[in-house]
Structure formats: structure tokens, C-alpha cells
């Protein structure tokens, strides 16, 4: 009988209520886990959204000063060169048509953004100090070096951006129409950028759009810097002939000089009677009368001066 009951219990499923209980609990646990997971995901999503909302995206303000026209252009973002040239033209009141009519070869763009990260501006100051220190030391054995330093000290230097500023070229070639971005922004490392993160970034440029110059400038190992009226297709000797005797210093190289064209291109010019090679001197050119036979410790002085002159403001 007992065996029958035991067998019957197995057959009738007396333990089925327990099985049903377990089957009921499992869905309950599963649903609870899903609700808990859903709550956690919602919390994570909220936390992420809150963190994202606290991230401040910096805005960029670009200021372009046109000193020769007395105009300042302001933009609330990075701006392309063509837009600046068009706005400069529209803002000019030089004539009835409002057209600037500048001489493209003499146009200059300078990055004036004043930030600790602007390594290019620091580099210009370093170039200037290096040249002046060399001239001070060299003047002990060559007094005319003082004259050169005095000339250089009368000029202003800024970080020049060497890009094409001829509107005809800019409008016809897309690669010549860049966004104007200060070197202070492009030089930042990612970590430095995070540390200096702010709600705004300001960048400033000076754009010089002059009329066609009517002179060239001679300076260097000579009594003083001088401007001479432009001689169409004139050679360096044509200009030197217009100077008084003895105006060029005894320390000057009498066969080689350096030319800094208005667009910043540097050329070496040979002008002695036995090696003369005519070079086109564009309006606004700077001719540097170099030192002759420099001591080894000042072997790069001429090149250093020329490199500094490329960043001279104005022509």
C-alpha cells in the first residue's frame, strides 16, 4: 500500500505545487531584474546627459583690423580669406565705388592674437633679441653694427602670415582661400587646450592693403635707412648711384646684397661690375646692404637680419 501511495504521489504530481511556485518565482525575479537594470540605465543616461550639458563649447571671435583704411571687421567664428577681402572692399570709403584697389604684392597679414600659447609671436621677439644681441657684440669690433641696430630698432615687427592676398588668385583657387586661424590655436596641444578651456577664444589679425608703393627702401651697412623713388626696371646700381659718396659703409659687402620683396620672398642680388645679375625690384622692396666677411661667431648675422625683415610691418 505504501509503495502504491509513493508511486501514486509520483504519478499524480503531489509536488507540482512546489514546481508551480518555482515557475512563478522565476518570472518574478526576471521582471525585477529587468526593472532594476532599466532604472540603472536611466540613471546612467541622466548622469551622462547632465555631464554633457555642463560641457561648454568655446566660441571664437575673429577681429580683422585694417590700419590703412581705419576699418575693423568682426566675426563670431573663423572666417575665410575671401570673405575678409570682400568685406574690406565693401567697408572702404576711399572712393565713390568703395573699392580699395590695393597692390596685392605689397599686402600683408599679421597674426596679433595675444595669448600665452602663441609661440609664433614669441618666436618673432626671440629673432629680434637674437639679432640685436649679435649686433651689440659685433659692434665692439665693427662700429657700423650700431648703425644697423639703430635702423632695425626703428621698425615694428609682428608674426606675418605668408599667404596669397591677391583676390584674383584667392577667388580662382580654392586652396588659396583658407580659414584664418591664429597660430595660438593651432599650436595648442590637446592637454594644454583642456587646461586653458574657456567660454570664448579671441583671435586678432592686422591686414595691410596699401596702394602701389612709389619707392623702395635701402638699409643695412650704411649711414641710415633711406627710401628712394622707384625707378622702373632699375637695377640696384641705379639706386646706389643716387646716393652720396661714402653713404654706404666700409663694412658693406660690395658685391652681394639681399632683397626682401614685398611678399616676403628673399633673393640674393649680385651687383658688382664683374658679377652683376639684374633682379627685379618690386615697388616696396627692402634692400639690405649686408656685412662683408663676418667673423665665424656671427656667420649667420646677415641671414638672421633678413629673416627678421620679412616680418617688418608696413613697406
C-alpha atoms as a PDB file:
ATOM      1  CA  UNK A   1       0.000   0.000   0.000  1.00  0.00           C
ATOM      2  CA  UNK A   2       2.763   2.368   0.928  1.00  0.00           C
ATOM      3  CA  UNK A   3       4.542   1.519  -2.229  1.00  0.00           C
ATOM      4  CA  UNK A   4       1.395   2.264  -4.135  1.00  0.00           C
ATOM      5  CA  UNK A   5       0.895   5.615  -2.417  1.00  0.00           C
ATOM      6  CA  UNK A   6       4.511   6.528  -3.023  1.00  0.00           C
ATOM      7  CA  UNK A   7       4.158   5.530  -6.601  1.00  0.00           C
ATOM      8  CA  UNK A   8       0.840   7.341  -6.870  1.00  0.00           C
ATOM      9  CA  UNK A   9       2.322  10.518  -5.447  1.00  0.00           C
ATOM     10  CA  UNK A  10       4.906  10.436  -8.094  1.00  0.00           C
ATOM     11  CA  UNK A  11       2.323   9.778 -10.731  1.00  0.00           C
ATOM     12  CA  UNK A  12      -0.197  12.353  -9.508  1.00  0.00           C
ATOM     13  CA  UNK A  13       2.385  15.078  -9.081  1.00  0.00           C
ATOM     14  CA  UNK A  14       1.877  15.989  -5.380  1.00  0.00           C
ATOM     15  CA  UNK A  15       5.000  18.013  -5.733  1.00  0.00           C
ATOM     16  CA  UNK A  16       3.525  20.003  -8.582  1.00  0.00           C
ATOM     17  CA  UNK A  17       2.556  22.948  -6.321  1.00  0.00           C
ATOM     18  CA  UNK A  18       6.227  23.375  -5.497  1.00  0.00           C
ATOM     19  CA  UNK A  19       7.099  23.256  -9.152  1.00  0.00           C
ATOM     20  CA  UNK A  20       4.426  25.858  -9.934  1.00  0.00           C
ATOM     21  CA  UNK A  21       5.817  28.061  -7.164  1.00  0.00           C
ATOM     22  CA  UNK A  22       9.290  27.911  -8.610  1.00  0.00           C
ATOM     23  CA  UNK A  23       7.969  28.665 -12.074  1.00  0.00           C
ATOM     24  CA  UNK A  24       6.098  31.628 -10.664  1.00  0.00           C
ATOM     25  CA  UNK A  25       9.129  32.980  -8.783  1.00  0.00           C
ATOM     26  CA  UNK A  26      11.482  32.859 -11.778  1.00  0.00           C
ATOM     27  CA  UNK A  27       9.424  35.228 -13.937  1.00  0.00           C
ATOM     28  CA  UNK A  28       9.056  37.491 -10.934  1.00  0.00           C
ATOM     29  CA  UNK A  29      12.803  37.606 -10.391  1.00  0.00           C
ATOM     30  CA  UNK A  30      13.396  38.136 -14.089  1.00  0.00           C
ATOM     31  CA  UNK A  31      10.971  41.037 -14.230  1.00  0.00           C
ATOM     32  CA  UNK A  32      12.539  42.583 -11.128  1.00  0.00           C
ATOM     33  CA  UNK A  33      15.992  42.334 -12.625  1.00  0.00           C
ATOM     34  CA  UNK A  34      14.785  43.995 -15.793  1.00  0.00           C
ATOM     35  CA  UNK A  35      13.200  46.821 -13.811  1.00  0.00           C
ATOM     36  CA  UNK A  36      16.392  47.280 -11.807  1.00  0.00           C
ATOM     37  CA  UNK A  37      18.529  47.273 -14.962  1.00  0.00           C
ATOM     38  CA  UNK A  38      16.182  49.743 -16.602  1.00  0.00           C
ATOM     39  CA  UNK A  39      16.446  52.051 -13.612  1.00  0.00           C
ATOM     40  CA  UNK A  40      20.245  51.856 -13.685  1.00  0.00           C
ATOM     41  CA  UNK A  41      20.329  52.633 -17.414  1.00  0.00           C
ATOM     42  CA  UNK A  42      18.025  55.575 -16.881  1.00  0.00           C
ATOM     43  CA  UNK A  43      20.287  56.873 -14.114  1.00  0.00           C
ATOM     44  CA  UNK A  44      23.389  56.468 -16.297  1.00  0.00           C
ATOM     45  CA  UNK A  45      21.677  58.212 -19.195  1.00  0.00           C
ATOM     46  CA  UNK A  46      20.633  61.069 -16.938  1.00  0.00           C
ATOM     47  CA  UNK A  47      24.142  61.367 -15.493  1.00  0.00           C
ATOM     48  CA  UNK A  48      25.662  61.395 -18.985  1.00  0.00           C
ATOM     49  CA  UNK A  49      23.175  63.971 -20.183  1.00  0.00           C
ATOM     50  CA  UNK A  50      23.873  66.110 -17.137  1.00  0.00           C
ATOM     51  CA  UNK A  51      27.620  65.873 -17.688  1.00  0.00           C
ATOM     52  CA  UNK A  52      27.225  66.667 -21.370  1.00  0.00           C
ATOM     53  CA  UNK A  53      25.124  69.689 -20.560  1.00  0.00           C
ATOM     54  CA  UNK A  54      27.958  71.017 -18.391  1.00  0.00           C
ATOM     55  CA  UNK A  55      30.461  70.919 -21.282  1.00  0.00           C
ATOM     56  CA  UNK A  56      30.949  74.488 -22.554  1.00  0.00           C
ATOM     57  CA  UNK A  57      31.813  74.752 -26.223  1.00  0.00           C
ATOM     58  CA  UNK A  58      34.144  77.715 -26.752  1.00  0.00           C
ATOM     59  CA  UNK A  59      33.077  80.345 -29.241  1.00  0.00           C
ATOM     60  CA  UNK A  60      35.592  82.057 -31.491  1.00  0.00           C
ATOM     61  CA  UNK A  61      35.622  85.777 -32.156  1.00  0.00           C
ATOM     62  CA  UNK A  62      37.792  86.944 -35.027  1.00  0.00           C
ATOM     63  CA  UNK A  63      38.822  90.578 -35.355  1.00  0.00           C
ATOM     64  CA  UNK A  64      40.481  91.894 -38.501  1.00  0.00           C
ATOM     65  CA  UNK A  65      41.979  95.379 -38.313  1.00  0.00           C
ATOM     66  CA  UNK A  66      42.703  97.330 -41.496  1.00  0.00           C
ATOM     67  CA  UNK A  67      45.032 100.098 -40.237  1.00  0.00           C
ATOM     68  CA  UNK A  68      45.435 101.862 -43.572  1.00  0.00           C
ATOM     69  CA  UNK A  69      41.684 102.085 -44.111  1.00  0.00           C
ATOM     70  CA  UNK A  70      40.729 102.763 -40.488  1.00  0.00           C
ATOM     71  CA  UNK A  71      38.320  99.810 -40.557  1.00  0.00           C
ATOM     72  CA  UNK A  72      37.834  96.918 -38.122  1.00  0.00           C
ATOM     73  CA  UNK A  73      35.943  93.796 -39.167  1.00  0.00           C
ATOM     74  CA  UNK A  74      34.495  91.444 -36.560  1.00  0.00           C
ATOM     75  CA  UNK A  75      33.243  87.881 -36.973  1.00  0.00           C
ATOM     76  CA  UNK A  76      31.743  85.460 -34.451  1.00  0.00           C
ATOM     77  CA  UNK A  77      33.584  82.494 -35.926  1.00  0.00           C
ATOM     78  CA  UNK A  78      36.560  81.576 -38.086  1.00  0.00           C
ATOM     79  CA  UNK A  79      36.290  83.310 -41.437  1.00  0.00           C
ATOM     80  CA  UNK A  80      37.730  82.587 -44.850  1.00  0.00           C
ATOM     81  CA  UNK A  81      40.161  84.949 -46.520  1.00  0.00           C
ATOM     82  CA  UNK A  82      37.913  85.748 -49.483  1.00  0.00           C
ATOM     83  CA  UNK A  83      35.133  86.892 -47.157  1.00  0.00           C
ATOM     84  CA  UNK A  84      37.548  89.236 -45.387  1.00  0.00           C
ATOM     85  CA  UNK A  85      38.828  90.707 -48.645  1.00  0.00           C
ATOM     86  CA  UNK A  86      35.280  91.243 -49.898  1.00  0.00           C
ATOM     87  CA  UNK A  87      34.170  92.818 -46.611  1.00  0.00           C
ATOM     88  CA  UNK A  88      37.265  95.029 -46.555  1.00  0.00           C
ATOM     89  CA  UNK A  89      36.462  96.185 -50.044  1.00  0.00           C
ATOM     90  CA  UNK A  90      32.823  96.877 -49.154  1.00  0.00           C
ATOM     91  CA  UNK A  91      33.807  98.778 -45.987  1.00  0.00           C
ATOM     92  CA  UNK A  92      36.307 101.048 -47.699  1.00  0.00           C
ATOM     93  CA  UNK A  93      35.319 104.627 -48.389  1.00  0.00           C
ATOM     94  CA  UNK A  94      38.423 105.565 -50.332  1.00  0.00           C
ATOM     95  CA  UNK A  95      36.493 106.356 -53.474  1.00  0.00           C
ATOM     96  CA  UNK A  96      32.942 106.559 -54.752  1.00  0.00           C
ATOM     97  CA  UNK A  97      32.830 102.928 -55.791  1.00  0.00           C
ATOM     98  CA  UNK A  98      34.039 101.750 -52.384  1.00  0.00           C
ATOM     99  CA  UNK A  99      36.849  99.727 -53.936  1.00  0.00           C
ATOM    100  CA  UNK A 100      40.186  99.639 -52.112  1.00  0.00           C
ATOM    101  CA  UNK A 101      42.249  98.993 -55.231  1.00  0.00           C
ATOM    102  CA  UNK A 102      45.258  97.758 -53.240  1.00  0.00           C
ATOM    103  CA  UNK A 103      48.570  96.484 -54.629  1.00  0.00           C
ATOM    104  CA  UNK A 104      48.426  92.688 -53.968  1.00  0.00           C
ATOM    105  CA  UNK A 105      52.188  92.122 -53.877  1.00  0.00           C
ATOM    106  CA  UNK A 106      52.531  94.606 -51.020  1.00  0.00           C
ATOM    107  CA  UNK A 107      49.578  93.309 -48.974  1.00  0.00           C
ATOM    108  CA  UNK A 108      50.475  91.930 -45.537  1.00  0.00           C
ATOM    109  CA  UNK A 109      48.605  89.854 -42.952  1.00  0.00           C
ATOM    110  CA  UNK A 110      49.819  89.701 -39.345  1.00  0.00           C
ATOM    111  CA  UNK A 111      48.647  87.447 -36.531  1.00  0.00           C
ATOM    112  CA  UNK A 112      48.253  89.714 -33.493  1.00  0.00           C
ATOM    113  CA  UNK A 113      46.469  87.254 -31.222  1.00  0.00           C
ATOM    114  CA  UNK A 114      47.877  87.919 -27.775  1.00  0.00           C
ATOM    115  CA  UNK A 115      47.918  84.662 -25.854  1.00  0.00           C
ATOM    116  CA  UNK A 116      50.487  82.662 -23.924  1.00  0.00           C
ATOM    117  CA  UNK A 117      50.090  79.871 -26.463  1.00  0.00           C
ATOM    118  CA  UNK A 118      51.068  81.998 -29.447  1.00  0.00           C
ATOM    119  CA  UNK A 119      54.535  80.579 -29.919  1.00  0.00           C
ATOM    120  CA  UNK A 120      54.909  82.363 -33.261  1.00  0.00           C
ATOM    121  CA  UNK A 121      54.713  85.789 -31.630  1.00  0.00           C
ATOM    122  CA  UNK A 122      57.294  84.668 -29.091  1.00  0.00           C
ATOM    123  CA  UNK A 123      59.496  83.491 -31.933  1.00  0.00           C
ATOM    124  CA  UNK A 124      59.474  86.923 -33.578  1.00  0.00           C
ATOM    125  CA  UNK A 125      60.548  88.577 -30.330  1.00  0.00           C
ATOM    126  CA  UNK A 126      63.261  85.940 -29.967  1.00  0.00           C
ATOM    127  CA  UNK A 127      64.519  86.667 -33.505  1.00  0.00           C
ATOM    128  CA  UNK A 128      64.679  90.370 -32.712  1.00  0.00           C
ATOM    129  CA  UNK A 129      66.571  89.834 -29.440  1.00  0.00           C
ATOM    130  CA  UNK A 130      68.993  87.474 -31.129  1.00  0.00           C
ATOM    131  CA  UNK A 131      69.795  89.966 -33.903  1.00  0.00           C
ATOM    132  CA  UNK A 132      70.182  92.890 -31.504  1.00  0.00           C
ATOM    133  CA  UNK A 133      72.422  90.887 -29.168  1.00  0.00           C
ATOM    134  CA  UNK A 134      74.660  89.868 -32.071  1.00  0.00           C
ATOM    135  CA  UNK A 135      74.884  93.464 -33.300  1.00  0.00           C
ATOM    136  CA  UNK A 136      75.779  94.689 -29.810  1.00  0.00           C
ATOM    137  CA  UNK A 137      78.577  92.148 -29.553  1.00  0.00           C
ATOM    138  CA  UNK A 138      79.785  92.684 -33.116  1.00  0.00           C
ATOM    139  CA  UNK A 139      79.874  96.478 -32.657  1.00  0.00           C
ATOM    140  CA  UNK A 140      82.919  96.049 -30.399  1.00  0.00           C
ATOM    141  CA  UNK A 141      84.994  95.216 -33.475  1.00  0.00           C
ATOM    142  CA  UNK A 142      82.780  96.858 -36.109  1.00  0.00           C
ATOM    143  CA  UNK A 143      81.193 100.174 -35.008  1.00  0.00           C
ATOM    144  CA  UNK A 144      78.928 100.297 -38.063  1.00  0.00           C
ATOM    145  CA  UNK A 145      76.913  97.472 -36.481  1.00  0.00           C
ATOM    146  CA  UNK A 146      75.437 100.142 -34.190  1.00  0.00           C
ATOM    147  CA  UNK A 147      74.037 101.940 -37.234  1.00  0.00           C
ATOM    148  CA  UNK A 148      72.340  98.763 -38.410  1.00  0.00           C
ATOM    149  CA  UNK A 149      70.827  98.135 -34.993  1.00  0.00           C
ATOM    150  CA  UNK A 150      69.506 101.698 -34.869  1.00  0.00           C
ATOM    151  CA  UNK A 151      67.802 101.216 -38.236  1.00  0.00           C
ATOM    152  CA  UNK A 152      66.261  97.891 -37.246  1.00  0.00           C
ATOM    153  CA  UNK A 153      65.072  99.272 -33.916  1.00  0.00           C
ATOM    154  CA  UNK A 154      63.012 101.914 -35.728  1.00  0.00           C
ATOM    155  CA  UNK A 155      60.828  99.247 -37.355  1.00  0.00           C
ATOM    156  CA  UNK A 156      57.902  97.290 -35.938  1.00  0.00           C
ATOM    157  CA  UNK A 157      57.789  93.504 -36.260  1.00  0.00           C
ATOM    158  CA  UNK A 158      54.870  91.109 -35.944  1.00  0.00           C
ATOM    159  CA  UNK A 159      54.164  87.498 -36.800  1.00  0.00           C
ATOM    160  CA  UNK A 160      53.469  87.706 -40.529  1.00  0.00           C
ATOM    161  CA  UNK A 161      51.210  85.125 -42.132  1.00  0.00           C
ATOM    162  CA  UNK A 162      52.689  84.353 -45.540  1.00  0.00           C
ATOM    163  CA  UNK A 163      49.673  83.610 -47.725  1.00  0.00           C
ATOM    164  CA  UNK A 164      48.478  84.807 -51.117  1.00  0.00           C
ATOM    165  CA  UNK A 165      46.483  88.040 -50.721  1.00  0.00           C
ATOM    166  CA  UNK A 166      45.687  88.693 -54.368  1.00  0.00           C
ATOM    167  CA  UNK A 167      41.890  88.441 -54.569  1.00  0.00           C
ATOM    168  CA  UNK A 168      42.038  87.223 -58.171  1.00  0.00           C
ATOM    169  CA  UNK A 169      44.128  84.244 -57.086  1.00  0.00           C
ATOM    170  CA  UNK A 170      42.036  83.637 -53.963  1.00  0.00           C
ATOM    171  CA  UNK A 171      38.741  83.595 -55.852  1.00  0.00           C
ATOM    172  CA  UNK A 172      40.008  81.285 -58.594  1.00  0.00           C
ATOM    173  CA  UNK A 173      41.907  78.724 -56.494  1.00  0.00           C
ATOM    174  CA  UNK A 174      40.156  77.088 -53.545  1.00  0.00           C
ATOM    175  CA  UNK A 175      43.402  76.181 -51.803  1.00  0.00           C
ATOM    176  CA  UNK A 176      44.246  79.888 -51.610  1.00  0.00           C
ATOM    177  CA  UNK A 177      41.081  80.662 -49.617  1.00  0.00           C
ATOM    178  CA  UNK A 178      41.914  79.289 -46.158  1.00  0.00           C
ATOM    179  CA  UNK A 179      40.150  79.796 -42.858  1.00  0.00           C
ATOM    180  CA  UNK A 180      42.020  82.412 -40.847  1.00  0.00           C
ATOM    181  CA  UNK A 181      43.143  80.576 -37.723  1.00  0.00           C
ATOM    182  CA  UNK A 182      45.629  82.067 -35.294  1.00  0.00           C
ATOM    183  CA  UNK A 183      48.807  80.120 -34.699  1.00  0.00           C
ATOM    184  CA  UNK A 184      47.953  80.322 -30.981  1.00  0.00           C
ATOM    185  CA  UNK A 185      45.093  77.884 -31.692  1.00  0.00           C
ATOM    186  CA  UNK A 186      46.991  75.548 -33.999  1.00  0.00           C
ATOM    187  CA  UNK A 187      49.975  75.327 -31.626  1.00  0.00           C
ATOM    188  CA  UNK A 188      47.984  74.154 -28.603  1.00  0.00           C
ATOM    189  CA  UNK A 189      48.404  70.564 -27.515  1.00  0.00           C
ATOM    190  CA  UNK A 190      45.224  68.758 -26.511  1.00  0.00           C
ATOM    191  CA  UNK A 191      46.193  68.740 -22.820  1.00  0.00           C
ATOM    192  CA  UNK A 192      47.057  72.428 -22.892  1.00  0.00           C
ATOM    193  CA  UNK A 193      43.800  73.180 -24.632  1.00  0.00           C
ATOM    194  CA  UNK A 194      41.879  71.395 -21.890  1.00  0.00           C
ATOM    195  CA  UNK A 195      43.684  73.307 -19.174  1.00  0.00           C
ATOM    196  CA  UNK A 196      43.040  76.619 -20.916  1.00  0.00           C
ATOM    197  CA  UNK A 197      39.445  75.820 -21.865  1.00  0.00           C
ATOM    198  CA  UNK A 198      37.235  78.886 -21.656  1.00  0.00           C
ATOM    199  CA  UNK A 199      33.879  80.073 -22.883  1.00  0.00           C
ATOM    200  CA  UNK A 200      35.439  82.179 -25.618  1.00  0.00           C
ATOM    201  CA  UNK A 201      38.531  82.401 -27.782  1.00  0.00           C
ATOM    202  CA  UNK A 202      39.538  85.665 -29.377  1.00  0.00           C
ATOM    203  CA  UNK A 203      41.895  85.942 -32.316  1.00  0.00           C
ATOM    204  CA  UNK A 204      43.084  89.131 -33.934  1.00  0.00           C
ATOM    205  CA  UNK A 205      44.780  89.955 -37.226  1.00  0.00           C
ATOM    206  CA  UNK A 206      46.032  93.098 -38.943  1.00  0.00           C
ATOM    207  CA  UNK A 207      45.555  93.276 -42.681  1.00  0.00           C
ATOM    208  CA  UNK A 208      47.567  95.881 -44.602  1.00  0.00           C
ATOM    209  CA  UNK A 209      46.163  96.637 -48.058  1.00  0.00           C
ATOM    210  CA  UNK A 210      48.318  99.504 -49.400  1.00  0.00           C
ATOM    211  CA  UNK A 211      48.218 101.349 -52.655  1.00  0.00           C
ATOM    212  CA  UNK A 212      51.066 100.633 -55.050  1.00  0.00           C
ATOM    213  CA  UNK A 213      54.269 101.921 -53.383  1.00  0.00           C
ATOM    214  CA  UNK A 214      56.264 104.566 -55.212  1.00  0.00           C
ATOM    215  CA  UNK A 215      59.631 103.780 -53.612  1.00  0.00           C
ATOM    216  CA  UNK A 216      61.994 101.087 -52.393  1.00  0.00           C
ATOM    217  CA  UNK A 217      63.950 101.094 -49.141  1.00  0.00           C
ATOM    218  CA  UNK A 218      67.706 100.642 -48.724  1.00  0.00           C
ATOM    219  CA  UNK A 219      69.118  99.849 -45.295  1.00  0.00           C
ATOM    220  CA  UNK A 220      71.909  97.936 -43.596  1.00  0.00           C
ATOM    221  CA  UNK A 221      75.638  98.708 -43.509  1.00  0.00           C
ATOM    222  CA  UNK A 222      75.156 102.349 -44.420  1.00  0.00           C
ATOM    223  CA  UNK A 223      74.749 105.651 -42.606  1.00  0.00           C
ATOM    224  CA  UNK A 224      70.981 105.346 -42.332  1.00  0.00           C
ATOM    225  CA  UNK A 225      67.950 103.725 -43.861  1.00  0.00           C
ATOM    226  CA  UNK A 226      66.695 105.611 -46.912  1.00  0.00           C
ATOM    227  CA  UNK A 227      63.735 105.492 -49.285  1.00  0.00           C
ATOM    228  CA  UNK A 228      64.397 106.124 -52.953  1.00  0.00           C
ATOM    229  CA  UNK A 229      61.834 106.864 -55.635  1.00  0.00           C
ATOM    230  CA  UNK A 230      61.003 103.859 -57.720  1.00  0.00           C
ATOM    231  CA  UNK A 231      62.985 103.529 -60.954  1.00  0.00           C
ATOM    232  CA  UNK A 232      61.035 101.410 -63.402  1.00  0.00           C
ATOM    233  CA  UNK A 233      63.167  98.392 -64.300  1.00  0.00           C
ATOM    234  CA  UNK A 234      66.000  99.953 -62.307  1.00  0.00           C
ATOM    235  CA  UNK A 235      68.891  97.852 -61.009  1.00  0.00           C
ATOM    236  CA  UNK A 236      70.441  98.122 -57.560  1.00  0.00           C
ATOM    237  CA  UNK A 237      73.337 100.085 -59.040  1.00  0.00           C
ATOM    238  CA  UNK A 238      70.859 102.606 -60.428  1.00  0.00           C
ATOM    239  CA  UNK A 239      69.663 103.271 -56.891  1.00  0.00           C
ATOM    240  CA  UNK A 240      73.149 103.273 -55.365  1.00  0.00           C
ATOM    241  CA  UNK A 241      74.256 105.852 -57.904  1.00  0.00           C
ATOM    242  CA  UNK A 242      71.647 108.199 -56.447  1.00  0.00           C
ATOM    243  CA  UNK A 243      73.307 108.090 -53.005  1.00  0.00           C
ATOM    244  CA  UNK A 244      76.072 110.498 -51.894  1.00  0.00           C
ATOM    245  CA  UNK A 245      79.628 109.220 -51.925  1.00  0.00           C
ATOM    246  CA  UNK A 246      80.501 107.396 -48.727  1.00  0.00           C
ATOM    247  CA  UNK A 247      76.850 106.787 -47.796  1.00  0.00           C
ATOM    248  CA  UNK A 248      77.315 103.017 -47.954  1.00  0.00           C
ATOM    249  CA  UNK A 249      79.548 101.848 -45.093  1.00  0.00           C
ATOM    250  CA  UNK A 250      83.036 100.410 -45.346  1.00  0.00           C
ATOM    251  CA  UNK A 251      81.791  97.171 -43.745  1.00  0.00           C
ATOM    252  CA  UNK A 252      79.228  96.574 -46.510  1.00  0.00           C
ATOM    253  CA  UNK A 253      79.638  93.730 -48.981  1.00  0.00           C
ATOM    254  CA  UNK A 254      80.433  95.451 -52.274  1.00  0.00           C
ATOM    255  CA  UNK A 255      79.309  92.580 -54.491  1.00  0.00           C
ATOM    256  CA  UNK A 256      76.309  90.897 -52.819  1.00  0.00           C
ATOM    257  CA  UNK A 257      73.167  92.276 -51.170  1.00  0.00           C
ATOM    258  CA  UNK A 258      69.842  90.823 -50.048  1.00  0.00           C
ATOM    259  CA  UNK A 259      66.426  91.699 -51.442  1.00  0.00           C
ATOM    260  CA  UNK A 260      63.218  91.241 -49.431  1.00  0.00           C
ATOM    261  CA  UNK A 261      60.393  91.512 -51.935  1.00  0.00           C
ATOM    262  CA  UNK A 262      57.079  92.944 -50.645  1.00  0.00           C
ATOM    263  CA  UNK A 263      55.509  89.468 -50.424  1.00  0.00           C
ATOM    264  CA  UNK A 264      58.366  88.277 -48.190  1.00  0.00           C
ATOM    265  CA  UNK A 265      60.355  86.405 -50.821  1.00  0.00           C
ATOM    266  CA  UNK A 266      64.103  86.744 -50.221  1.00  0.00           C
ATOM    267  CA  UNK A 267      66.643  86.940 -53.036  1.00  0.00           C
ATOM    268  CA  UNK A 268      70.407  87.350 -53.145  1.00  0.00           C
ATOM    269  CA  UNK A 269      71.467  90.009 -55.603  1.00  0.00           C
ATOM    270  CA  UNK A 270      74.934  90.307 -57.162  1.00  0.00           C
ATOM    271  CA  UNK A 271      75.703  93.851 -58.165  1.00  0.00           C
ATOM    272  CA  UNK A 272      79.484  94.235 -58.636  1.00  0.00           C
ATOM    273  CA  UNK A 273      80.622  95.170 -62.138  1.00  0.00           C
ATOM    274  CA  UNK A 274      82.118  91.702 -62.619  1.00  0.00           C
ATOM    275  CA  UNK A 275      79.179  89.596 -61.354  1.00  0.00           C
ATOM    276  CA  UNK A 276      76.090  91.798 -61.780  1.00  0.00           C
ATOM    277  CA  UNK A 277      72.846  89.876 -62.175  1.00  0.00           C
ATOM    278  CA  UNK A 278      69.839  92.177 -62.562  1.00  0.00           C
ATOM    279  CA  UNK A 279      66.953  91.377 -60.204  1.00  0.00           C
ATOM    280  CA  UNK A 280      63.505  92.917 -60.441  1.00  0.00           C
ATOM    281  CA  UNK A 281      62.958  95.273 -57.511  1.00  0.00           C
ATOM    282  CA  UNK A 282      59.209  95.461 -56.978  1.00  0.00           C
ATOM    283  CA  UNK A 283      57.573  98.576 -55.504  1.00  0.00           C
ATOM    284  CA  UNK A 284      58.032  98.453 -51.743  1.00  0.00           C
ATOM    285  CA  UNK A 285      61.105  96.195 -51.848  1.00  0.00           C
ATOM    286  CA  UNK A 286      63.638  96.307 -48.991  1.00  0.00           C
ATOM    287  CA  UNK A 287      67.300  96.023 -49.996  1.00  0.00           C
ATOM    288  CA  UNK A 288      69.629  95.016 -47.168  1.00  0.00           C
ATOM    289  CA  UNK A 289      73.256  96.005 -47.660  1.00  0.00           C
ATOM    290  CA  UNK A 290      74.913  93.082 -45.926  1.00  0.00           C
ATOM    291  CA  UNK A 291      78.096  92.926 -43.860  1.00  0.00           C
ATOM    292  CA  UNK A 292      81.163  91.645 -45.643  1.00  0.00           C
ATOM    293  CA  UNK A 293      83.321  88.801 -44.319  1.00  0.00           C
ATOM    294  CA  UNK A 294      81.694  88.251 -40.941  1.00  0.00           C
ATOM    295  CA  UNK A 295      83.659  86.520 -38.160  1.00  0.00           C
ATOM    296  CA  UNK A 296      82.682  82.883 -37.626  1.00  0.00           C
ATOM    297  CA  UNK A 297      80.795  83.635 -34.406  1.00  0.00           C
ATOM    298  CA  UNK A 298      78.489  85.962 -36.371  1.00  0.00           C
ATOM    299  CA  UNK A 299      78.362  83.911 -39.563  1.00  0.00           C
ATOM    300  CA  UNK A 300      74.542  83.860 -39.670  1.00  0.00           C
ATOM    301  CA  UNK A 301      74.022  87.540 -38.809  1.00  0.00           C
ATOM    302  CA  UNK A 302      73.158  88.676 -42.349  1.00  0.00           C
ATOM    303  CA  UNK A 303      70.615  85.880 -42.798  1.00  0.00           C
ATOM    304  CA  UNK A 304      69.149  86.489 -39.338  1.00  0.00           C
ATOM    305  CA  UNK A 305      68.602  90.170 -40.142  1.00  0.00           C
ATOM    306  CA  UNK A 306      66.930  89.328 -43.454  1.00  0.00           C
ATOM    307  CA  UNK A 307      64.667  86.786 -41.768  1.00  0.00           C
ATOM    308  CA  UNK A 308      63.602  89.440 -39.245  1.00  0.00           C
ATOM    309  CA  UNK A 309      62.923  91.981 -42.013  1.00  0.00           C
ATOM    310  CA  UNK A 310      60.388  89.600 -43.566  1.00  0.00           C
ATOM    311  CA  UNK A 311      58.175  90.351 -40.557  1.00  0.00           C
ATOM    312  CA  UNK A 312      58.524  94.123 -40.756  1.00  0.00           C
ATOM    313  CA  UNK A 313      55.177  95.876 -40.537  1.00  0.00           C
ATOM    314  CA  UNK A 314      54.460  98.182 -43.465  1.00  0.00           C
ATOM    315  CA  UNK A 315      56.546  98.894 -46.525  1.00  0.00           C
END
